[in-house]
Amino acid sequence: MSARPVEAIRWRKASRSDGNDTCVELANTLDALRDSKNPGGPMIRGDVRQLLRAVRMA
């Protein structure tokens, strides 16, 4: 997985966001998640599709 500059990543909020910035955001590259309350903070990098499959199976 190649790292992209954070400035080049577009983010979208979870569809179930409550509007209070208490959700996660997904990178358009589908390889990173971040906390919407702290957009400059750490990201979780990995295969987001695989993570979503695992969550749906749980």
C-alpha atoms as a PDB file:
ATOM      1  CA  MET A   1       0.000   0.000   0.000  1.00  0.00           C
ATOM      2  CA  SER A   2       1.513   3.306  -1.022  1.00  0.00           C
ATOM      3  CA  ALA A   3       1.215   6.192   1.391  1.00  0.00           C
ATOM      4  CA  ARG A   4      -0.409   9.319   0.002  1.00  0.00           C
ATOM      5  CA  PRO A   5       0.030  12.793   1.418  1.00  0.00           C
ATOM      6  CA  VAL A   6      -2.827  13.541   3.826  1.00  0.00           C
ATOM      7  CA  GLU A   7      -3.638  16.675   1.813  1.00  0.00           C
ATOM      8  CA  ALA A   8      -4.399  14.508  -1.259  1.00  0.00           C
ATOM      9  CA  ILE A   9      -6.952  12.327   0.535  1.00  0.00           C
ATOM     10  CA  ARG A  10     -10.643  13.237   0.379  1.00  0.00           C
ATOM     11  CA  TRP A  11     -12.672  12.178   3.401  1.00  0.00           C
ATOM     12  CA  ARG A  12     -16.357  11.377   3.850  1.00  0.00           C
ATOM     13  CA  LYS A  13     -18.291  10.980   7.069  1.00  0.00           C
ATOM     14  CA  ALA A  14     -20.147   7.858   8.009  1.00  0.00           C
ATOM     15  CA  SER A  15     -23.728   7.853   6.764  1.00  0.00           C
ATOM     16  CA  ARG A  16     -24.978   7.357  10.322  1.00  0.00           C
ATOM     17  CA  SER A  17     -23.180  10.411  11.641  1.00  0.00           C
ATOM     18  CA  ASP A  18     -25.251  12.293  14.189  1.00  0.00           C
ATOM     19  CA  GLY A  19     -23.972  15.698  13.073  1.00  0.00           C
ATOM     20  CA  ASN A  20     -21.955  16.244  16.263  1.00  0.00           C
ATOM     21  CA  ASP A  21     -18.628  15.105  14.808  1.00  0.00           C
ATOM     22  CA  THR A  22     -18.885  11.846  16.751  1.00  0.00           C
ATOM     23  CA  CYS A  23     -18.166   9.513  13.904  1.00  0.00           C
ATOM     24  CA  VAL A  24     -15.434   8.133  11.742  1.00  0.00           C
ATOM     25  CA  GLU A  25     -14.450   9.358   8.317  1.00  0.00           C
ATOM     26  CA  LEU A  26     -13.443   7.114   5.436  1.00  0.00           C
ATOM     27  CA  ALA A  27     -10.740   8.034   2.937  1.00  0.00           C
ATOM     28  CA  ASN A  28     -11.734   8.028  -0.722  1.00  0.00           C
ATOM     29  CA  THR A  29      -8.805   5.656  -1.244  1.00  0.00           C
ATOM     30  CA  LEU A  30     -10.513   3.051   1.012  1.00  0.00           C
ATOM     31  CA  ASP A  31      -7.270   2.512   2.885  1.00  0.00           C
ATOM     32  CA  ALA A  32      -7.707   4.759   5.925  1.00  0.00           C
ATOM     33  CA  LEU A  33     -10.134   5.776   8.674  1.00  0.00           C
ATOM     34  CA  ARG A  34      -9.913   8.699  11.077  1.00  0.00           C
ATOM     35  CA  ASP A  35     -11.827  10.248  13.960  1.00  0.00           C
ATOM     36  CA  SER A  36     -13.912  13.181  12.740  1.00  0.00           C
ATOM     37  CA  LYS A  37     -13.322  15.027  16.035  1.00  0.00           C
ATOM     38  CA  ASN A  38      -9.580  14.998  15.392  1.00  0.00           C
ATOM     39  CA  PRO A  39      -8.972  15.223  11.625  1.00  0.00           C
ATOM     40  CA  GLY A  40      -5.316  16.129  12.128  1.00  0.00           C
ATOM     41  CA  GLY A  41      -4.757  13.187  14.449  1.00  0.00           C
ATOM     42  CA  PRO A  42      -3.760   9.605  13.749  1.00  0.00           C
ATOM     43  CA  MET A  43      -5.351   7.506  11.024  1.00  0.00           C
ATOM     44  CA  ILE A  44      -5.984   3.786  10.934  1.00  0.00           C
ATOM     45  CA  ARG A  45      -4.475   2.492   7.715  1.00  0.00           C
ATOM     46  CA  GLY A  46      -5.408  -0.838   6.199  1.00  0.00           C
ATOM     47  CA  ASP A  47      -7.860  -2.620   3.943  1.00  0.00           C
ATOM     48  CA  VAL A  48     -11.123  -0.909   4.867  1.00  0.00           C
ATOM     49  CA  ARG A  49     -13.173  -3.260   2.669  1.00  0.00           C
ATOM     50  CA  GLN A  50     -11.913  -6.221   4.673  1.00  0.00           C
ATOM     51  CA  LEU A  51     -12.679  -4.423   7.944  1.00  0.00           C
ATOM     52  CA  LEU A  52     -16.246  -3.700   6.803  1.00  0.00           C
ATOM     53  CA  ARG A  53     -16.759  -7.349   5.843  1.00  0.00           C
ATOM     54  CA  ALA A  54     -15.601  -8.432   9.287  1.00  0.00           C
ATOM     55  CA  VAL A  55     -17.912  -5.948  11.027  1.00  0.00           C
ATOM     56  CA  ARG A  56     -20.906  -7.066   8.963  1.00  0.00           C
ATOM     57  CA  MET A  57     -20.231 -10.713   9.874  1.00  0.00           C
ATOM     58  CA  ALA A  58     -20.020  -9.954  13.618  1.00  0.00           C
END
